[in-house]
Every structure is written in structure tokens, then in C-alpha cells.
All heavy atoms as atom14 arrays in JSON, in Angstrom:
{
  "sequence": "AKAEDYCARTGIDLRDKLEDVLSDPDIDAVVLA",
  "atom14_mask": [
    [1, 1, 1, 1, 1, 0, 0, 0, 0, 0, 0, 0, 0, 0],
    [1, 1, 1, 1, 1, 1, 1, 1, 1, 0, 0, 0, 0, 0],
    [1, 1, 1, 1, 1, 0, 0, 0, 0, 0, 0, 0, 0, 0],
    [1, 1, 1, 1, 1, 1, 1, 1, 1, 0, 0, 0, 0, 0],
    [1, 1, 1, 1, 1, 1, 1, 1, 0, 0, 0, 0, 0, 0],
    [1, 1, 1, 1, 1, 1, 1, 1, 1, 1, 1, 1, 0, 0],
    [1, 1, 1, 1, 1, 1, 0, 0, 0, 0, 0, 0, 0, 0],
    [1, 1, 1, 1, 1, 0, 0, 0, 0, 0, 0, 0, 0, 0],
    [1, 1, 1, 1, 1, 1, 1, 1, 1, 1, 1, 0, 0, 0],
    [1, 1, 1, 1, 1, 1, 1, 0, 0, 0, 0, 0, 0, 0],
    [1, 1, 1, 1, 0, 0, 0, 0, 0, 0, 0, 0, 0, 0],
    [1, 1, 1, 1, 1, 1, 1, 1, 0, 0, 0, 0, 0, 0],
    [1, 1, 1, 1, 1, 1, 1, 1, 0, 0, 0, 0, 0, 0],
    [1, 1, 1, 1, 1, 1, 1, 1, 0, 0, 0, 0, 0, 0],
    [1, 1, 1, 1, 1, 1, 1, 1, 1, 1, 1, 0, 0, 0],
    [1, 1, 1, 1, 1, 1, 1, 1, 0, 0, 0, 0, 0, 0],
    [1, 1, 1, 1, 1, 1, 1, 1, 1, 0, 0, 0, 0, 0],
    [1, 1, 1, 1, 1, 1, 1, 1, 0, 0, 0, 0, 0, 0],
    [1, 1, 1, 1, 1, 1, 1, 1, 1, 0, 0, 0, 0, 0],
    [1, 1, 1, 1, 1, 1, 1, 1, 0, 0, 0, 0, 0, 0],
    [1, 1, 1, 1, 1, 1, 1, 0, 0, 0, 0, 0, 0, 0],
    [1, 1, 1, 1, 1, 1, 1, 1, 0, 0, 0, 0, 0, 0],
    [1, 1, 1, 1, 1, 1, 0, 0, 0, 0, 0, 0, 0, 0],
    [1, 1, 1, 1, 1, 1, 1, 1, 0, 0, 0, 0, 0, 0],
    [1, 1, 1, 1, 1, 1, 1, 0, 0, 0, 0, 0, 0, 0],
    [1, 1, 1, 1, 1, 1, 1, 1, 0, 0, 0, 0, 0, 0],
    [1, 1, 1, 1, 1, 1, 1, 1, 0, 0, 0, 0, 0, 0],
    [1, 1, 1, 1, 1, 1, 1, 1, 0, 0, 0, 0, 0, 0],
    [1, 1, 1, 1, 1, 0, 0, 0, 0, 0, 0, 0, 0, 0],
    [1, 1, 1, 1, 1, 1, 1, 0, 0, 0, 0, 0, 0, 0],
    [1, 1, 1, 1, 1, 1, 1, 0, 0, 0, 0, 0, 0, 0],
    [1, 1, 1, 1, 1, 1, 1, 1, 0, 0, 0, 0, 0, 0],
    [1, 1, 1, 1, 1, 0, 0, 0, 0, 0, 0, 0, 0, 0]
  ],
  "atom14_positions": [
    [[0.84, -1.24, 0.02], [0.03, -0.07, -0.02], [0.89, 1.24, 0.02], [0.52, 2.28, -0.5], [-0.9, 0.03, 1.21], [0.0, 0.0, 0.0], [0.0, 0.0, 0.0], [0.0, 0.0, 0.0], [0.0, 0.0, 0.0], [0.0, 0.0, 0.0], [0.0, 0.0, 0.0], [0.0, 0.0, 0.0], [0.0, 0.0, 0.0], [0.0, 0.0, 0.0]],
    [[2.11, 1.17, 0.56], [2.84, 2.42, 0.7], [3.58, 2.69, -0.61], [4.13, 3.76, -0.82], [3.97, 2.14, 1.75], [3.41, 2.13, 3.17], [4.55, 1.98, 4.16], [3.96, 1.98, 5.61], [5.13, 1.78, 6.65], [0.0, 0.0, 0.0], [0.0, 0.0, 0.0], [0.0, 0.0, 0.0], [0.0, 0.0, 0.0], [0.0, 0.0, 0.0]],
    [[3.67, 1.72, -1.53], [4.39, 1.96, -2.85], [3.45, 1.98, -4.04], [3.99, 2.29, -5.11], [5.4, 0.69, -2.97], [0.0, 0.0, 0.0], [0.0, 0.0, 0.0], [0.0, 0.0, 0.0], [0.0, 0.0, 0.0], [0.0, 0.0, 0.0], [0.0, 0.0, 0.0], [0.0, 0.0, 0.0], [0.0, 0.0, 0.0], [0.0, 0.0, 0.0]],
    [[2.18, 1.74, -3.94], [1.37, 1.65, -5.11], [1.33, 2.92, -5.83], [1.42, 3.0, -7.06], [-0.03, 1.22, -4.64], [-0.1, -0.27, -4.32], [-1.52, -0.7, -3.85], [-2.25, 0.19, -3.37], [-1.84, -1.92, -3.89], [0.0, 0.0, 0.0], [0.0, 0.0, 0.0], [0.0, 0.0, 0.0], [0.0, 0.0, 0.0], [0.0, 0.0, 0.0]],
    [[1.07, 4.11, -5.22], [0.98, 5.32, -5.94], [2.31, 5.63, -6.58], [2.39, 6.13, -7.68], [0.57, 6.51, -4.96], [-0.76, 6.42, -4.45], [-1.46, 5.63, -5.12], [-1.09, 7.07, -3.49], [0.0, 0.0, 0.0], [0.0, 0.0, 0.0], [0.0, 0.0, 0.0], [0.0, 0.0, 0.0], [0.0, 0.0, 0.0], [0.0, 0.0, 0.0]],
    [[3.47, 5.45, -5.89], [4.8, 5.7, -6.5], [5.03, 4.91, -7.67], [5.43, 5.37, -8.82], [5.89, 5.49, -5.4], [7.25, 5.61, -6.03], [7.88, 6.86, -6.27], [8.04, 4.56, -6.42], [9.07, 7.06, -6.83], [9.28, 4.62, -7.08], [9.78, 5.87, -7.24], [10.99, 6.04, -7.79], [0.0, 0.0, 0.0], [0.0, 0.0, 0.0]],
    [[4.7, 3.6, -7.65], [4.93, 2.67, -8.75], [4.02, 3.04, -9.97], [4.52, 2.97, -10.98], [4.69, 1.26, -8.33], [6.04, 0.57, -7.28], [0.0, 0.0, 0.0], [0.0, 0.0, 0.0], [0.0, 0.0, 0.0], [0.0, 0.0, 0.0], [0.0, 0.0, 0.0], [0.0, 0.0, 0.0], [0.0, 0.0, 0.0], [0.0, 0.0, 0.0]],
    [[2.82, 3.5, -9.62], [1.93, 3.92, -10.73], [2.48, 5.12, -11.48], [2.44, 5.23, -12.71], [0.62, 4.21, -10.14], [0.0, 0.0, 0.0], [0.0, 0.0, 0.0], [0.0, 0.0, 0.0], [0.0, 0.0, 0.0], [0.0, 0.0, 0.0], [0.0, 0.0, 0.0], [0.0, 0.0, 0.0], [0.0, 0.0, 0.0], [0.0, 0.0, 0.0]],
    [[3.06, 6.01, -10.75], [3.63, 7.29, -11.27], [4.94, 7.02, -12.17], [5.15, 7.73, -13.1], [4.02, 8.32, -10.22], [2.77, 8.88, -9.47], [3.22, 10.17, -8.75], [4.44, 10.01, -7.99], [4.41, 9.56, -6.62], [3.24, 9.23, -6.12], [5.48, 9.49, -6.05], [0.0, 0.0, 0.0], [0.0, 0.0, 0.0], [0.0, 0.0, 0.0]],
    [[5.59, 5.94, -11.71], [6.9, 5.75, -12.44], [6.87, 4.6, -13.41], [7.91, 4.19, -13.97], [7.97, 5.49, -11.37], [7.61, 4.47, -10.41], [8.32, 6.71, -10.57], [0.0, 0.0, 0.0], [0.0, 0.0, 0.0], [0.0, 0.0, 0.0], [0.0, 0.0, 0.0], [0.0, 0.0, 0.0], [0.0, 0.0, 0.0], [0.0, 0.0, 0.0]],
    [[5.65, 4.07, -13.62], [5.56, 3.0, -14.61], [6.17, 1.66, -14.13], [6.54, 0.82, -15.11], [0.0, 0.0, 0.0], [0.0, 0.0, 0.0], [0.0, 0.0, 0.0], [0.0, 0.0, 0.0], [0.0, 0.0, 0.0], [0.0, 0.0, 0.0], [0.0, 0.0, 0.0], [0.0, 0.0, 0.0], [0.0, 0.0, 0.0], [0.0, 0.0, 0.0]],
    [[6.04, 1.45, -12.91], [6.48, 0.08, -12.36], [5.43, -0.79, -12.08], [4.51, -0.42, -11.34], [7.4, 0.35, -11.13], [8.73, 1.12, -11.5], [7.67, -0.87, -10.33], [9.5, 1.56, -10.33], [0.0, 0.0, 0.0], [0.0, 0.0, 0.0], [0.0, 0.0, 0.0], [0.0, 0.0, 0.0], [0.0, 0.0, 0.0], [0.0, 0.0, 0.0]],
    [[5.44, -1.99, -12.47], [4.35, -3.04, -12.3], [4.79, -3.68, -10.95], [5.77, -4.4, -10.79], [4.46, -4.1, -13.39], [3.44, -5.26, -13.15], [2.56, -4.98, -12.29], [3.6, -6.23, -13.85], [0.0, 0.0, 0.0], [0.0, 0.0, 0.0], [0.0, 0.0, 0.0], [0.0, 0.0, 0.0], [0.0, 0.0, 0.0], [0.0, 0.0, 0.0]],
    [[3.97, -3.36, -9.96], [4.27, -3.84, -8.58], [3.73, -5.27, -8.32], [2.59, -5.55, -8.5], [3.54, -2.94, -7.55], [3.94, -3.05, -6.1], [5.35, -2.93, -5.86], [3.11, -2.06, -5.19], [0.0, 0.0, 0.0], [0.0, 0.0, 0.0], [0.0, 0.0, 0.0], [0.0, 0.0, 0.0], [0.0, 0.0, 0.0], [0.0, 0.0, 0.0]],
    [[4.65, -6.17, -8.02], [4.37, -7.51, -7.91], [4.36, -7.89, -6.39], [4.63, -7.13, -5.51], [5.4, -8.43, -8.5], [5.79, -8.04, -9.87], [4.8, -8.38, -10.96], [5.22, -7.93, -12.31], [6.04, -8.59, -13.1], [6.53, -9.78, -12.79], [6.29, -8.1, -14.26], [0.0, 0.0, 0.0], [0.0, 0.0, 0.0], [0.0, 0.0, 0.0]],
    [[3.89, -9.09, -6.05], [3.68, -9.5, -4.63], [4.94, -10.08, -3.96], [5.11, -10.02, -2.77], [2.49, -10.47, -4.55], [1.23, -9.83, -4.89], [1.05, -8.66, -4.5], [0.26, -10.5, -5.48], [0.0, 0.0, 0.0], [0.0, 0.0, 0.0], [0.0, 0.0, 0.0], [0.0, 0.0, 0.0], [0.0, 0.0, 0.0], [0.0, 0.0, 0.0]],
    [[5.76, -10.8, -4.75], [6.89, -11.4, -4.13], [8.06, -11.49, -5.04], [7.87, -11.39, -6.25], [6.52, -12.8, -3.57], [5.9, -13.72, -4.52], [5.47, -14.98, -3.81], [4.88, -16.05, -4.84], [3.61, -15.53, -5.41], [0.0, 0.0, 0.0], [0.0, 0.0, 0.0], [0.0, 0.0, 0.0], [0.0, 0.0, 0.0], [0.0, 0.0, 0.0]],
    [[9.21, -11.74, -4.54], [10.47, -11.77, -5.34], [10.29, -12.86, -6.54], [10.78, -12.64, -7.57], [11.71, -12.13, -4.49], [13.03, -12.34, -5.09], [13.41, -11.03, -5.87], [14.03, -12.78, -4.05], [0.0, 0.0, 0.0], [0.0, 0.0, 0.0], [0.0, 0.0, 0.0], [0.0, 0.0, 0.0], [0.0, 0.0, 0.0], [0.0, 0.0, 0.0]],
    [[9.73, -14.05, -6.19], [9.59, -15.09, -7.13], [8.87, -14.61, -8.35], [9.11, -15.16, -9.51], [8.92, -16.29, -6.55], [9.75, -16.98, -5.44], [9.82, -16.27, -4.18], [9.02, -15.27, -3.87], [10.72, -16.57, -3.34], [0.0, 0.0, 0.0], [0.0, 0.0, 0.0], [0.0, 0.0, 0.0], [0.0, 0.0, 0.0], [0.0, 0.0, 0.0]],
    [[7.96, -13.65, -8.25], [7.27, -13.17, -9.39], [8.05, -12.49, -10.38], [7.76, -12.54, -11.6], [6.05, -12.26, -8.89], [5.04, -12.84, -8.09], [4.85, -14.13, -8.16], [4.23, -12.14, -7.28], [0.0, 0.0, 0.0], [0.0, 0.0, 0.0], [0.0, 0.0, 0.0], [0.0, 0.0, 0.0], [0.0, 0.0, 0.0], [0.0, 0.0, 0.0]],
    [[9.12, -11.83, -10.01], [10.05, -11.21, -11.02], [11.09, -12.18, -11.36], [11.61, -12.13, -12.58], [10.62, -9.91, -10.51], [9.55, -8.84, -10.13], [11.49, -10.09, -9.28], [0.0, 0.0, 0.0], [0.0, 0.0, 0.0], [0.0, 0.0, 0.0], [0.0, 0.0, 0.0], [0.0, 0.0, 0.0], [0.0, 0.0, 0.0], [0.0, 0.0, 0.0]],
    [[11.45, -13.08, -10.46], [12.54, -14.02, -10.96], [12.15, -15.04, -12.03], [12.87, -15.58, -12.79], [13.05, -14.81, -9.65], [13.8, -14.02, -8.59], [14.34, -14.85, -7.5], [14.82, -13.11, -9.25], [0.0, 0.0, 0.0], [0.0, 0.0, 0.0], [0.0, 0.0, 0.0], [0.0, 0.0, 0.0], [0.0, 0.0, 0.0], [0.0, 0.0, 0.0]],
    [[10.81, -15.27, -12.13], [10.26, -16.17, -13.06], [9.82, -15.44, -14.33], [9.25, -16.13, -15.25], [9.09, -16.97, -12.38], [8.01, -16.04, -12.07], [0.0, 0.0, 0.0], [0.0, 0.0, 0.0], [0.0, 0.0, 0.0], [0.0, 0.0, 0.0], [0.0, 0.0, 0.0], [0.0, 0.0, 0.0], [0.0, 0.0, 0.0], [0.0, 0.0, 0.0]],
    [[10.0, -14.04, -14.37], [9.5, -13.34, -15.55], [10.66, -13.18, -16.52], [11.69, -12.62, -16.25], [9.19, -11.97, -14.98], [8.46, -11.13, -16.1], [8.67, -11.46, -17.3], [7.8, -10.13, -15.79], [0.0, 0.0, 0.0], [0.0, 0.0, 0.0], [0.0, 0.0, 0.0], [0.0, 0.0, 0.0], [0.0, 0.0, 0.0], [0.0, 0.0, 0.0]],
    [[10.59, -13.78, -17.78], [11.62, -13.7, -18.74], [11.89, -12.29, -19.23], [12.93, -12.08, -19.87], [11.08, -14.68, -19.87], [9.6, -14.67, -19.66], [9.33, -14.5, -18.22], [0.0, 0.0, 0.0], [0.0, 0.0, 0.0], [0.0, 0.0, 0.0], [0.0, 0.0, 0.0], [0.0, 0.0, 0.0], [0.0, 0.0, 0.0], [0.0, 0.0, 0.0]],
    [[10.97, -11.45, -18.99], [11.17, -10.05, -19.55], [11.93, -9.25, -18.53], [12.36, -8.03, -18.8], [9.87, -9.31, -19.75], [9.07, -9.95, -20.87], [9.78, -10.43, -21.75], [7.87, -10.01, -20.9], [0.0, 0.0, 0.0], [0.0, 0.0, 0.0], [0.0, 0.0, 0.0], [0.0, 0.0, 0.0], [0.0, 0.0, 0.0], [0.0, 0.0, 0.0]],
    [[12.36, -9.76, -17.38], [13.2, -9.01, -16.34], [14.56, -9.56, -16.49], [14.85, -10.78, -16.39], [12.6, -9.31, -14.96], [11.18, -8.8, -14.74], [13.6, -8.57, -13.85], [10.98, -7.3, -14.98], [0.0, 0.0, 0.0], [0.0, 0.0, 0.0], [0.0, 0.0, 0.0], [0.0, 0.0, 0.0], [0.0, 0.0, 0.0], [0.0, 0.0, 0.0]],
    [[15.52, -8.66, -16.78], [16.9, -9.0, -16.89], [17.69, -9.02, -15.53], [18.71, -9.68, -15.46], [17.57, -8.03, -17.92], [16.89, -7.98, -19.12], [16.65, -9.0, -19.78], [16.63, -6.78, -19.64], [0.0, 0.0, 0.0], [0.0, 0.0, 0.0], [0.0, 0.0, 0.0], [0.0, 0.0, 0.0], [0.0, 0.0, 0.0], [0.0, 0.0, 0.0]],
    [[17.22, -8.09, -14.64], [18.1, -7.93, -13.45], [17.25, -7.49, -12.28], [16.11, -7.01, -12.45], [19.12, -6.77, -13.75], [0.0, 0.0, 0.0], [0.0, 0.0, 0.0], [0.0, 0.0, 0.0], [0.0, 0.0, 0.0], [0.0, 0.0, 0.0], [0.0, 0.0, 0.0], [0.0, 0.0, 0.0], [0.0, 0.0, 0.0], [0.0, 0.0, 0.0]],
    [[17.77, -7.69, -11.08], [17.04, -7.22, -9.89], [18.07, -6.18, -9.16], [19.28, -6.41, -9.17], [16.63, -8.33, -8.94], [15.6, -9.17, -9.56], [17.82, -9.18, -8.48], [0.0, 0.0, 0.0], [0.0, 0.0, 0.0], [0.0, 0.0, 0.0], [0.0, 0.0, 0.0], [0.0, 0.0, 0.0], [0.0, 0.0, 0.0], [0.0, 0.0, 0.0]],
    [[17.44, -5.22, -8.52], [18.19, -4.22, -7.7], [17.55, -4.35, -6.34], [16.44, -4.13, -6.11], [18.09, -2.82, -8.26], [18.68, -1.85, -7.34], [18.66, -2.66, -9.74], [0.0, 0.0, 0.0], [0.0, 0.0, 0.0], [0.0, 0.0, 0.0], [0.0, 0.0, 0.0], [0.0, 0.0, 0.0], [0.0, 0.0, 0.0], [0.0, 0.0, 0.0]],
    [[18.47, -4.74, -5.35], [18.02, -5.03, -4.01], [18.25, -3.85, -3.14], [19.34, -3.36, -2.87], [18.88, -6.2, -3.47], [18.78, -7.47, -4.33], [19.63, -8.59, -3.62], [17.31, -8.04, -4.43], [0.0, 0.0, 0.0], [0.0, 0.0, 0.0], [0.0, 0.0, 0.0], [0.0, 0.0, 0.0], [0.0, 0.0, 0.0], [0.0, 0.0, 0.0]],
    [[17.12, -3.29, -2.58], [17.18, -2.27, -1.53], [16.39, -2.81, -0.35], [15.4, -2.23, 0.04], [16.57, -0.99, -2.06], [0.0, 0.0, 0.0], [0.0, 0.0, 0.0], [0.0, 0.0, 0.0], [0.0, 0.0, 0.0], [0.0, 0.0, 0.0], [0.0, 0.0, 0.0], [0.0, 0.0, 0.0], [0.0, 0.0, 0.0], [0.0, 0.0, 0.0]]
  ]
}
């Protein structure tokens, strides 16, 4: 809930867990903060 507005403004598709991006062939890299 704290990130939804920010991600909408910046064109980021907000997923629920790390595995959701690791299994996505369109994602080349992850940046960990």
C-alpha cells in the first residue's frame, strides 16, 4: 500500500513477491534495496 502510488507514477508493475520477478523472462536484473 505504501508503494502503489509511487509505482503507478513511475511505470513500475508492482508484484507480490520476489519469485514473481525471478520467473519473468522479461526481467533481466534485480536491484536489491
